[in-house]
N, C-alpha and C. Protein backbone atom coordinates (compact mmCIF):
# COMPACT_ATOMS: atom_id res chain seq x y z
N MET A 1 11.54 -22.28 3.28
CA MET A 1 11.38 -20.88 3.61
C MET A 1 11.54 -20.03 2.36
N ALA A 2 10.58 -19.15 2.13
CA ALA A 2 10.63 -18.23 1.00
C ALA A 2 11.21 -16.89 1.45
N THR A 3 11.68 -16.13 0.47
CA THR A 3 12.23 -14.81 0.73
C THR A 3 11.37 -13.77 0.02
N PHE A 4 10.90 -12.79 0.78
CA PHE A 4 10.04 -11.72 0.26
C PHE A 4 10.76 -10.38 0.36
N VAL A 5 10.32 -9.47 -0.49
CA VAL A 5 10.68 -8.07 -0.34
C VAL A 5 9.38 -7.26 -0.39
N ILE A 6 9.28 -6.31 0.51
CA ILE A 6 8.16 -5.37 0.50
C ILE A 6 8.74 -4.00 0.19
N ILE A 7 8.31 -3.44 -0.92
CA ILE A 7 8.77 -2.13 -1.36
C ILE A 7 7.58 -1.19 -1.22
N TYR A 8 7.76 -0.11 -0.47
CA TYR A 8 6.62 0.74 -0.12
C TYR A 8 6.87 2.21 -0.44
N GLY A 9 5.78 2.89 -0.69
CA GLY A 9 5.77 4.34 -0.82
C GLY A 9 4.89 4.90 0.27
N THR A 10 5.32 5.97 0.90
CA THR A 10 4.55 6.52 2.00
C THR A 10 4.69 8.03 2.05
N GLN A 11 3.65 8.68 2.53
CA GLN A 11 3.66 10.13 2.67
C GLN A 11 3.89 10.53 4.13
N HIS A 12 3.15 9.89 5.01
CA HIS A 12 3.23 10.24 6.44
C HIS A 12 3.61 9.04 7.29
N ASN A 13 4.29 8.08 6.70
CA ASN A 13 4.82 6.87 7.35
C ASN A 13 3.78 5.82 7.72
N HIS A 14 2.51 6.03 7.43
CA HIS A 14 1.53 5.01 7.80
C HIS A 14 1.65 3.78 6.90
N THR A 15 1.91 3.98 5.62
CA THR A 15 2.09 2.83 4.73
C THR A 15 3.32 2.04 5.14
N TYR A 16 4.34 2.72 5.64
CA TYR A 16 5.52 2.04 6.19
C TYR A 16 5.12 1.15 7.38
N LYS A 17 4.25 1.66 8.25
CA LYS A 17 3.79 0.86 9.39
C LYS A 17 3.01 -0.36 8.93
N ILE A 18 2.17 -0.19 7.90
CA ILE A 18 1.42 -1.32 7.35
C ILE A 18 2.39 -2.33 6.74
N ALA A 19 3.36 -1.85 5.99
CA ALA A 19 4.36 -2.74 5.39
C ALA A 19 5.12 -3.51 6.48
N GLY A 20 5.45 -2.85 7.56
CA GLY A 20 6.14 -3.51 8.67
C GLY A 20 5.28 -4.58 9.32
N TYR A 21 4.01 -4.29 9.50
CA TYR A 21 3.09 -5.27 10.08
C TYR A 21 2.94 -6.48 9.16
N LEU A 22 2.85 -6.21 7.86
CA LEU A 22 2.78 -7.27 6.86
C LEU A 22 4.05 -8.11 6.90
N ALA A 23 5.20 -7.46 7.00
CA ALA A 23 6.47 -8.18 7.09
C ALA A 23 6.50 -9.06 8.33
N ASP A 24 6.07 -8.54 9.47
CA ASP A 24 6.04 -9.34 10.71
C ASP A 24 5.12 -10.55 10.56
N THR A 25 4.00 -10.36 9.89
CA THR A 25 3.05 -11.47 9.67
C THR A 25 3.68 -12.56 8.81
N ILE A 26 4.35 -12.16 7.75
CA ILE A 26 4.98 -13.14 6.85
C ILE A 26 6.13 -13.84 7.56
N ARG A 27 6.90 -13.10 8.34
CA ARG A 27 7.98 -13.72 9.12
C ARG A 27 7.43 -14.75 10.10
N ALA A 28 6.29 -14.45 10.69
CA ALA A 28 5.67 -15.38 11.64
C ALA A 28 5.25 -16.69 10.96
N GLN A 29 5.15 -16.66 9.64
CA GLN A 29 4.83 -17.86 8.87
C GLN A 29 6.10 -18.63 8.48
N GLY A 30 7.26 -18.14 8.96
CA GLY A 30 8.52 -18.84 8.73
C GLY A 30 9.32 -18.37 7.54
N HIS A 31 8.99 -17.21 7.01
CA HIS A 31 9.69 -16.70 5.83
C HIS A 31 10.58 -15.52 6.18
N SER A 32 11.45 -15.19 5.26
CA SER A 32 12.35 -14.05 5.40
C SER A 32 11.76 -12.87 4.62
N VAL A 33 11.85 -11.67 5.19
CA VAL A 33 11.28 -10.48 4.53
C VAL A 33 12.26 -9.32 4.64
N ASP A 34 12.53 -8.67 3.51
CA ASP A 34 13.26 -7.41 3.48
C ASP A 34 12.25 -6.29 3.24
N LEU A 35 12.40 -5.22 3.95
CA LEU A 35 11.52 -4.06 3.84
C LEU A 35 12.33 -2.92 3.25
N MET A 36 11.86 -2.36 2.12
CA MET A 36 12.64 -1.32 1.44
C MET A 36 11.76 -0.15 1.02
N PRO A 37 12.27 1.07 1.18
CA PRO A 37 11.52 2.23 0.69
C PRO A 37 11.46 2.22 -0.84
N GLY A 38 10.40 2.79 -1.38
CA GLY A 38 10.15 2.75 -2.81
C GLY A 38 11.16 3.46 -3.68
N ARG A 39 11.97 4.29 -3.11
CA ARG A 39 12.99 4.99 -3.91
C ARG A 39 14.25 4.14 -4.09
N VAL A 40 14.22 2.92 -3.60
CA VAL A 40 15.36 2.02 -3.69
C VAL A 40 15.65 1.69 -5.16
N LYS A 41 16.90 1.51 -5.45
CA LYS A 41 17.31 1.13 -6.81
C LYS A 41 17.73 -0.33 -6.76
N LEU A 42 16.87 -1.20 -7.26
CA LEU A 42 17.17 -2.63 -7.30
C LEU A 42 17.43 -3.04 -8.74
N SER A 43 18.47 -3.82 -8.93
CA SER A 43 18.74 -4.35 -10.27
C SER A 43 17.81 -5.53 -10.51
N ARG A 44 17.74 -5.94 -11.74
CA ARG A 44 16.95 -7.11 -12.12
C ARG A 44 17.40 -8.34 -11.33
N ALA A 45 18.71 -8.53 -11.23
CA ALA A 45 19.25 -9.69 -10.51
C ALA A 45 18.90 -9.63 -9.03
N GLU A 46 18.97 -8.44 -8.43
CA GLU A 46 18.63 -8.31 -7.01
C GLU A 46 17.16 -8.64 -6.77
N LEU A 47 16.30 -8.20 -7.65
CA LEU A 47 14.87 -8.46 -7.49
C LEU A 47 14.55 -9.93 -7.73
N GLU A 48 15.28 -10.56 -8.63
CA GLU A 48 15.03 -11.97 -8.94
C GLU A 48 15.37 -12.92 -7.80
N ARG A 49 16.15 -12.47 -6.84
CA ARG A 49 16.50 -13.37 -5.73
C ARG A 49 15.35 -13.56 -4.74
N TYR A 50 14.26 -12.79 -4.91
CA TYR A 50 13.11 -12.92 -4.03
C TYR A 50 12.06 -13.86 -4.62
N ASP A 51 11.46 -14.66 -3.76
CA ASP A 51 10.38 -15.55 -4.17
C ASP A 51 9.07 -14.78 -4.30
N GLY A 52 8.93 -13.73 -3.54
CA GLY A 52 7.72 -12.92 -3.57
C GLY A 52 8.05 -11.45 -3.46
N VAL A 53 7.38 -10.64 -4.26
CA VAL A 53 7.58 -9.19 -4.25
C VAL A 53 6.23 -8.55 -3.93
N ILE A 54 6.24 -7.67 -2.95
CA ILE A 54 5.03 -6.97 -2.54
C ILE A 54 5.30 -5.47 -2.67
N ILE A 55 4.45 -4.80 -3.40
CA ILE A 55 4.56 -3.37 -3.59
C ILE A 55 3.40 -2.71 -2.84
N GLY A 56 3.70 -1.69 -2.06
CA GLY A 56 2.66 -0.96 -1.34
C GLY A 56 2.80 0.53 -1.57
N ALA A 57 1.68 1.21 -1.71
CA ALA A 57 1.71 2.66 -1.92
C ALA A 57 0.46 3.29 -1.32
N SER A 58 0.62 4.53 -0.92
CA SER A 58 -0.53 5.26 -0.40
C SER A 58 -1.04 6.23 -1.45
N VAL A 59 -2.28 6.60 -1.30
CA VAL A 59 -2.91 7.54 -2.22
C VAL A 59 -2.85 8.94 -1.62
N ASN A 60 -2.30 9.85 -2.39
CA ASN A 60 -2.22 11.26 -2.02
C ASN A 60 -2.58 12.07 -3.25
N ALA A 61 -3.46 13.01 -3.09
CA ALA A 61 -3.93 13.83 -4.23
C ALA A 61 -4.45 12.93 -5.35
N ALA A 62 -5.17 11.89 -4.98
CA ALA A 62 -5.86 10.98 -5.90
C ALA A 62 -4.95 10.09 -6.73
N LYS A 63 -3.68 9.95 -6.31
CA LYS A 63 -2.80 9.04 -7.03
C LYS A 63 -1.74 8.48 -6.09
N HIS A 64 -1.18 7.35 -6.50
CA HIS A 64 -0.11 6.73 -5.72
C HIS A 64 1.21 7.46 -5.99
N GLN A 65 2.19 7.20 -5.16
CA GLN A 65 3.48 7.88 -5.30
C GLN A 65 4.07 7.63 -6.70
N ARG A 66 4.55 8.70 -7.29
CA ARG A 66 5.15 8.64 -8.63
C ARG A 66 6.37 7.71 -8.64
N TYR A 67 7.18 7.73 -7.57
CA TYR A 67 8.37 6.88 -7.54
C TYR A 67 8.02 5.41 -7.47
N ILE A 68 6.87 5.07 -6.90
CA ILE A 68 6.41 3.67 -6.92
C ILE A 68 5.99 3.30 -8.34
N GLU A 69 5.28 4.21 -8.99
CA GLU A 69 4.89 3.96 -10.38
C GLU A 69 6.12 3.74 -11.25
N LYS A 70 7.15 4.54 -11.07
CA LYS A 70 8.38 4.39 -11.86
C LYS A 70 9.06 3.05 -11.57
N PHE A 71 9.09 2.66 -10.31
CA PHE A 71 9.68 1.38 -9.95
C PHE A 71 8.93 0.23 -10.62
N VAL A 72 7.61 0.28 -10.56
CA VAL A 72 6.79 -0.79 -11.16
C VAL A 72 7.00 -0.82 -12.67
N LYS A 73 7.00 0.34 -13.32
CA LYS A 73 7.24 0.38 -14.77
C LYS A 73 8.59 -0.24 -15.13
N ALA A 74 9.60 0.09 -14.36
CA ALA A 74 10.96 -0.41 -14.64
C ALA A 74 11.05 -1.93 -14.46
N HIS A 75 10.22 -2.50 -13.60
CA HIS A 75 10.31 -3.93 -13.28
C HIS A 75 9.02 -4.69 -13.63
N ARG A 76 8.17 -4.10 -14.44
CA ARG A 76 6.86 -4.68 -14.74
C ARG A 76 6.93 -6.12 -15.25
N ASP A 77 7.79 -6.39 -16.21
CA ASP A 77 7.88 -7.74 -16.76
C ASP A 77 8.24 -8.75 -15.68
N GLN A 78 9.18 -8.39 -14.85
CA GLN A 78 9.60 -9.25 -13.75
C GLN A 78 8.47 -9.46 -12.74
N LEU A 79 7.76 -8.40 -12.42
CA LEU A 79 6.66 -8.49 -11.47
C LEU A 79 5.55 -9.40 -12.00
N GLU A 80 5.30 -9.33 -13.29
CA GLU A 80 4.25 -10.16 -13.88
C GLU A 80 4.62 -11.64 -13.90
N ARG A 81 5.91 -11.95 -13.94
CA ARG A 81 6.35 -13.35 -13.96
C ARG A 81 6.51 -13.94 -12.57
N SER A 82 6.49 -13.11 -11.55
CA SER A 82 6.76 -13.60 -10.20
C SER A 82 5.49 -13.62 -9.36
N SER A 83 5.64 -14.05 -8.13
CA SER A 83 4.54 -13.99 -7.16
C SER A 83 4.52 -12.58 -6.57
N ALA A 84 4.02 -11.65 -7.36
CA ALA A 84 4.01 -10.25 -6.93
C ALA A 84 2.61 -9.83 -6.54
N ALA A 85 2.54 -8.94 -5.57
CA ALA A 85 1.26 -8.45 -5.06
C ALA A 85 1.36 -6.94 -4.84
N PHE A 86 0.21 -6.31 -4.73
CA PHE A 86 0.15 -4.87 -4.53
C PHE A 86 -0.86 -4.56 -3.43
N PHE A 87 -0.50 -3.60 -2.56
CA PHE A 87 -1.49 -3.09 -1.63
C PHE A 87 -1.51 -1.57 -1.70
N SER A 88 -2.73 -1.05 -1.59
CA SER A 88 -2.97 0.38 -1.70
C SER A 88 -3.59 0.86 -0.39
N VAL A 89 -3.14 2.01 0.07
CA VAL A 89 -3.62 2.58 1.33
C VAL A 89 -4.27 3.93 1.02
N SER A 90 -5.51 4.08 1.46
CA SER A 90 -6.21 5.34 1.21
C SER A 90 -7.31 5.56 2.25
N LEU A 91 -7.73 6.79 2.36
CA LEU A 91 -8.85 7.09 3.26
C LEU A 91 -10.15 6.49 2.74
N HIS A 92 -10.33 6.48 1.43
CA HIS A 92 -11.56 5.92 0.89
C HIS A 92 -11.69 4.42 1.15
N ALA A 93 -10.58 3.73 1.30
CA ALA A 93 -10.63 2.30 1.60
C ALA A 93 -11.07 2.03 3.03
N ALA A 94 -11.15 3.07 3.84
CA ALA A 94 -11.52 2.91 5.25
C ALA A 94 -13.01 2.62 5.42
N ARG A 95 -13.81 3.03 4.49
CA ARG A 95 -15.26 2.83 4.59
C ARG A 95 -15.72 2.00 3.39
N GLN A 96 -16.67 1.15 3.62
CA GLN A 96 -17.15 0.26 2.56
C GLN A 96 -18.40 0.79 1.86
N LYS A 97 -18.62 2.09 1.94
CA LYS A 97 -19.74 2.68 1.21
C LYS A 97 -19.48 2.54 -0.30
N VAL A 98 -20.54 2.41 -1.06
CA VAL A 98 -20.42 2.19 -2.50
C VAL A 98 -19.58 3.27 -3.17
N GLU A 99 -19.83 4.53 -2.82
CA GLU A 99 -19.09 5.62 -3.47
C GLU A 99 -17.60 5.59 -3.08
N ASN A 100 -17.29 5.18 -1.85
CA ASN A 100 -15.89 5.06 -1.44
C ASN A 100 -15.22 3.92 -2.20
N ARG A 101 -15.91 2.79 -2.33
CA ARG A 101 -15.36 1.64 -3.04
C ARG A 101 -15.08 2.02 -4.50
N ALA A 102 -15.99 2.78 -5.10
CA ALA A 102 -15.81 3.21 -6.49
C ALA A 102 -14.56 4.09 -6.62
N GLU A 103 -14.33 4.94 -5.63
CA GLU A 103 -13.14 5.80 -5.64
C GLU A 103 -11.87 4.96 -5.53
N VAL A 104 -11.88 3.97 -4.66
CA VAL A 104 -10.73 3.06 -4.51
C VAL A 104 -10.46 2.35 -5.84
N GLU A 105 -11.50 1.89 -6.49
CA GLU A 105 -11.34 1.20 -7.79
C GLU A 105 -10.75 2.15 -8.83
N ARG A 106 -11.13 3.42 -8.78
CA ARG A 106 -10.53 4.41 -9.71
C ARG A 106 -9.04 4.57 -9.44
N TYR A 107 -8.65 4.62 -8.15
CA TYR A 107 -7.23 4.72 -7.81
C TYR A 107 -6.46 3.53 -8.37
N LEU A 108 -7.01 2.34 -8.19
CA LEU A 108 -6.34 1.12 -8.67
C LEU A 108 -6.26 1.10 -10.20
N ALA A 109 -7.33 1.51 -10.86
CA ALA A 109 -7.34 1.55 -12.32
C ALA A 109 -6.33 2.56 -12.85
N LYS A 110 -6.25 3.70 -12.18
CA LYS A 110 -5.28 4.72 -12.59
C LYS A 110 -3.85 4.18 -12.43
N PHE A 111 -3.59 3.50 -11.31
CA PHE A 111 -2.26 2.93 -11.07
C PHE A 111 -1.93 1.90 -12.15
N SER A 112 -2.85 1.00 -12.44
CA SER A 112 -2.61 -0.01 -13.47
C SER A 112 -2.42 0.63 -14.84
N GLY A 113 -3.22 1.65 -15.13
CA GLY A 113 -3.09 2.33 -16.41
C GLY A 113 -1.75 3.04 -16.57
N ARG A 114 -1.29 3.64 -15.50
CA ARG A 114 -0.02 4.38 -15.56
C ARG A 114 1.19 3.45 -15.58
N THR A 115 1.06 2.27 -14.97
CA THR A 115 2.21 1.36 -14.88
C THR A 115 2.14 0.20 -15.87
N GLY A 116 0.95 -0.13 -16.33
CA GLY A 116 0.79 -1.28 -17.20
C GLY A 116 0.83 -2.61 -16.46
N TRP A 117 0.82 -2.57 -15.15
CA TRP A 117 0.93 -3.79 -14.33
C TRP A 117 -0.44 -4.22 -13.83
N GLN A 118 -0.70 -5.51 -13.97
CA GLN A 118 -1.91 -6.13 -13.44
C GLN A 118 -1.50 -7.13 -12.36
N PRO A 119 -1.38 -6.70 -11.11
CA PRO A 119 -0.94 -7.62 -10.06
C PRO A 119 -1.92 -8.78 -9.87
N ARG A 120 -1.38 -9.94 -9.53
CA ARG A 120 -2.23 -11.12 -9.29
C ARG A 120 -3.02 -10.98 -8.00
N ARG A 121 -2.42 -10.35 -7.01
CA ARG A 121 -3.05 -10.17 -5.70
C ARG A 121 -3.05 -8.69 -5.37
N ILE A 122 -4.22 -8.17 -4.97
CA ILE A 122 -4.36 -6.77 -4.60
C ILE A 122 -5.15 -6.68 -3.29
N ALA A 123 -4.69 -5.82 -2.41
CA ALA A 123 -5.43 -5.53 -1.19
C ALA A 123 -5.52 -4.02 -1.03
N THR A 124 -6.59 -3.56 -0.43
CA THR A 124 -6.72 -2.14 -0.12
C THR A 124 -6.97 -2.01 1.37
N PHE A 125 -6.29 -1.07 1.98
CA PHE A 125 -6.40 -0.85 3.41
C PHE A 125 -6.70 0.62 3.69
N GLY A 126 -7.48 0.83 4.73
CA GLY A 126 -7.76 2.19 5.17
C GLY A 126 -6.48 2.84 5.69
N GLY A 127 -6.35 4.10 5.45
CA GLY A 127 -5.17 4.84 5.88
C GLY A 127 -5.36 5.48 7.24
N ALA A 128 -4.81 6.66 7.38
CA ALA A 128 -4.87 7.36 8.66
C ALA A 128 -4.97 8.86 8.40
N LEU A 129 -5.52 9.54 9.36
CA LEU A 129 -5.54 11.00 9.35
C LEU A 129 -4.70 11.47 10.53
N PHE A 130 -3.63 12.16 10.22
CA PHE A 130 -2.76 12.69 11.26
C PHE A 130 -2.92 14.21 11.29
N TYR A 131 -4.13 14.63 11.61
CA TYR A 131 -4.43 16.06 11.63
C TYR A 131 -3.41 16.87 12.42
N THR A 132 -2.97 16.34 13.55
CA THR A 132 -2.07 17.12 14.41
C THR A 132 -0.69 17.31 13.80
N ARG A 133 -0.37 16.58 12.74
CA ARG A 133 0.93 16.71 12.07
C ARG A 133 0.88 17.58 10.82
N TYR A 134 -0.33 17.86 10.32
CA TYR A 134 -0.47 18.58 9.06
C TYR A 134 -0.38 20.09 9.26
N ASP A 135 0.08 20.76 8.21
CA ASP A 135 0.02 22.21 8.24
C ASP A 135 -1.44 22.63 8.01
N LEU A 136 -1.73 23.89 8.15
CA LEU A 136 -3.09 24.38 8.08
C LEU A 136 -3.80 24.02 6.77
N LEU A 137 -3.12 24.21 5.65
CA LEU A 137 -3.73 23.92 4.35
C LEU A 137 -4.06 22.43 4.21
N ASN A 138 -3.11 21.56 4.53
CA ASN A 138 -3.36 20.12 4.42
C ASN A 138 -4.44 19.66 5.39
N ARG A 139 -4.45 20.23 6.57
CA ARG A 139 -5.50 19.90 7.55
C ARG A 139 -6.87 20.24 6.98
N PHE A 140 -6.99 21.40 6.36
CA PHE A 140 -8.25 21.83 5.76
C PHE A 140 -8.66 20.89 4.62
N ILE A 141 -7.73 20.62 3.72
CA ILE A 141 -8.03 19.76 2.56
C ILE A 141 -8.41 18.35 3.02
N LEU A 142 -7.64 17.78 3.93
CA LEU A 142 -7.92 16.42 4.38
C LEU A 142 -9.21 16.35 5.19
N ARG A 143 -9.55 17.41 5.87
CA ARG A 143 -10.83 17.44 6.59
C ARG A 143 -11.98 17.38 5.59
N LEU A 144 -11.87 18.09 4.47
CA LEU A 144 -12.91 18.04 3.43
C LEU A 144 -13.02 16.64 2.83
N ILE A 145 -11.87 16.01 2.56
CA ILE A 145 -11.87 14.65 2.02
C ILE A 145 -12.50 13.69 3.03
N ALA A 146 -12.13 13.86 4.30
CA ALA A 146 -12.67 12.99 5.35
C ALA A 146 -14.18 13.15 5.47
N LYS A 147 -14.64 14.36 5.40
CA LYS A 147 -16.08 14.61 5.49
C LYS A 147 -16.81 13.92 4.35
N ARG A 148 -16.26 14.05 3.15
CA ARG A 148 -16.86 13.43 1.97
C ARG A 148 -16.87 11.90 2.08
N ALA A 149 -15.82 11.36 2.72
CA ALA A 149 -15.70 9.90 2.87
C ALA A 149 -16.44 9.38 4.10
N GLY A 150 -17.01 10.29 4.90
CA GLY A 150 -17.72 9.87 6.10
C GLY A 150 -16.79 9.52 7.25
N LEU A 151 -15.63 10.16 7.29
CA LEU A 151 -14.64 9.88 8.33
C LEU A 151 -14.61 11.02 9.35
N ASP A 152 -13.78 10.87 10.36
CA ASP A 152 -13.68 11.85 11.44
C ASP A 152 -13.14 13.19 10.95
N THR A 153 -13.72 14.26 11.49
CA THR A 153 -13.32 15.60 11.06
C THR A 153 -12.82 16.50 12.19
N ASP A 154 -12.71 15.97 13.38
CA ASP A 154 -12.17 16.74 14.51
C ASP A 154 -10.66 16.83 14.34
N THR A 155 -10.16 17.99 13.99
CA THR A 155 -8.75 18.15 13.66
C THR A 155 -7.84 18.23 14.88
N ARG A 156 -8.40 18.08 16.06
CA ARG A 156 -7.57 18.07 17.28
C ARG A 156 -7.03 16.68 17.59
N SER A 157 -7.46 15.68 16.81
CA SER A 157 -7.06 14.29 17.06
C SER A 157 -6.56 13.64 15.79
N ASP A 158 -5.87 12.53 15.95
CA ASP A 158 -5.43 11.70 14.83
C ASP A 158 -6.29 10.44 14.82
N TYR A 159 -6.45 9.84 13.62
CA TYR A 159 -7.31 8.66 13.46
C TYR A 159 -6.63 7.64 12.56
N ILE A 160 -6.67 6.40 12.97
CA ILE A 160 -6.13 5.31 12.16
C ILE A 160 -7.29 4.41 11.77
N TYR A 161 -7.44 4.19 10.46
CA TYR A 161 -8.56 3.43 9.93
C TYR A 161 -8.15 2.06 9.38
N THR A 162 -6.95 1.67 9.60
CA THR A 162 -6.45 0.40 9.07
C THR A 162 -7.07 -0.78 9.81
N ASP A 163 -7.56 -1.73 9.06
CA ASP A 163 -8.06 -2.98 9.61
C ASP A 163 -6.86 -3.92 9.71
N TRP A 164 -6.24 -3.98 10.88
CA TRP A 164 -5.02 -4.75 11.06
C TRP A 164 -5.25 -6.24 10.86
N ASP A 165 -6.45 -6.72 11.14
CA ASP A 165 -6.77 -8.13 10.88
C ASP A 165 -6.74 -8.42 9.39
N ALA A 166 -7.20 -7.47 8.57
CA ALA A 166 -7.16 -7.64 7.12
C ALA A 166 -5.73 -7.63 6.61
N VAL A 167 -4.88 -6.79 7.20
CA VAL A 167 -3.46 -6.77 6.82
C VAL A 167 -2.83 -8.13 7.15
N LYS A 168 -3.12 -8.63 8.34
CA LYS A 168 -2.59 -9.92 8.75
C LYS A 168 -3.06 -11.03 7.82
N GLN A 169 -4.33 -11.03 7.48
CA GLN A 169 -4.88 -12.06 6.58
C GLN A 169 -4.20 -12.01 5.22
N PHE A 170 -3.97 -10.81 4.70
CA PHE A 170 -3.27 -10.65 3.42
C PHE A 170 -1.86 -11.24 3.52
N GLY A 171 -1.18 -10.97 4.61
CA GLY A 171 0.17 -11.51 4.81
C GLY A 171 0.17 -13.03 4.87
N VAL A 172 -0.77 -13.59 5.57
CA VAL A 172 -0.88 -15.07 5.68
C VAL A 172 -1.14 -15.67 4.29
N GLU A 173 -2.03 -15.05 3.53
CA GLU A 173 -2.33 -15.54 2.17
C GLU A 173 -1.10 -15.45 1.27
N LEU A 174 -0.38 -14.35 1.33
CA LEU A 174 0.82 -14.21 0.50
C LEU A 174 1.89 -15.22 0.89
N ALA A 175 2.06 -15.44 2.18
CA ALA A 175 3.04 -16.43 2.65
C ALA A 175 2.69 -17.82 2.15
N ALA A 176 1.41 -18.13 2.12
CA ALA A 176 0.97 -19.46 1.68
C ALA A 176 1.17 -19.66 0.18
N MET A 177 1.13 -18.59 -0.60
CA MET A 177 1.28 -18.71 -2.06
C MET A 177 2.65 -19.21 -2.46
N THR A 178 3.67 -18.95 -1.66
CA THR A 178 5.02 -19.34 -2.06
C THR A 178 5.53 -20.53 -1.26
N SER A 179 4.69 -21.07 -0.39
CA SER A 179 5.11 -22.22 0.45
C SER A 179 5.11 -23.50 -0.35
């Protein structure tokens, strides 16, 4: 049995839900998983006790959470030596149109450029639109982004674009890497 940690950054808790689903999938493969928010302060020794490290972050305002970037920078050498993986959650990942895919690749390149980390395994998952939870300004901005990405624009409803089967498959693959 391997021991994993999933460290996540989230804006509206959807990345937390994805991290939890990923953790459940890995546990179902017989492994142990700790789930931690990205603002956690882990020492080098604490991080080294894990066989696998998974970092997850959502894209907001065209970039991943700054505190996730700081965590990765602080532990980059360790992450590169271990079975570490990264998953990114964004609205553009929800659609497989060429222009959306290009935007997702820009997010990933920006993250790698800012952190200096080249994860061995990367997955991208569609995020969610929680229009009913946003204030007026955010609802307006996210509706424009959704329209550009070809997503739902009815602000009276919420929409989840995550492919849960893809999340499960990623978890199964990660569990197999350390078995």
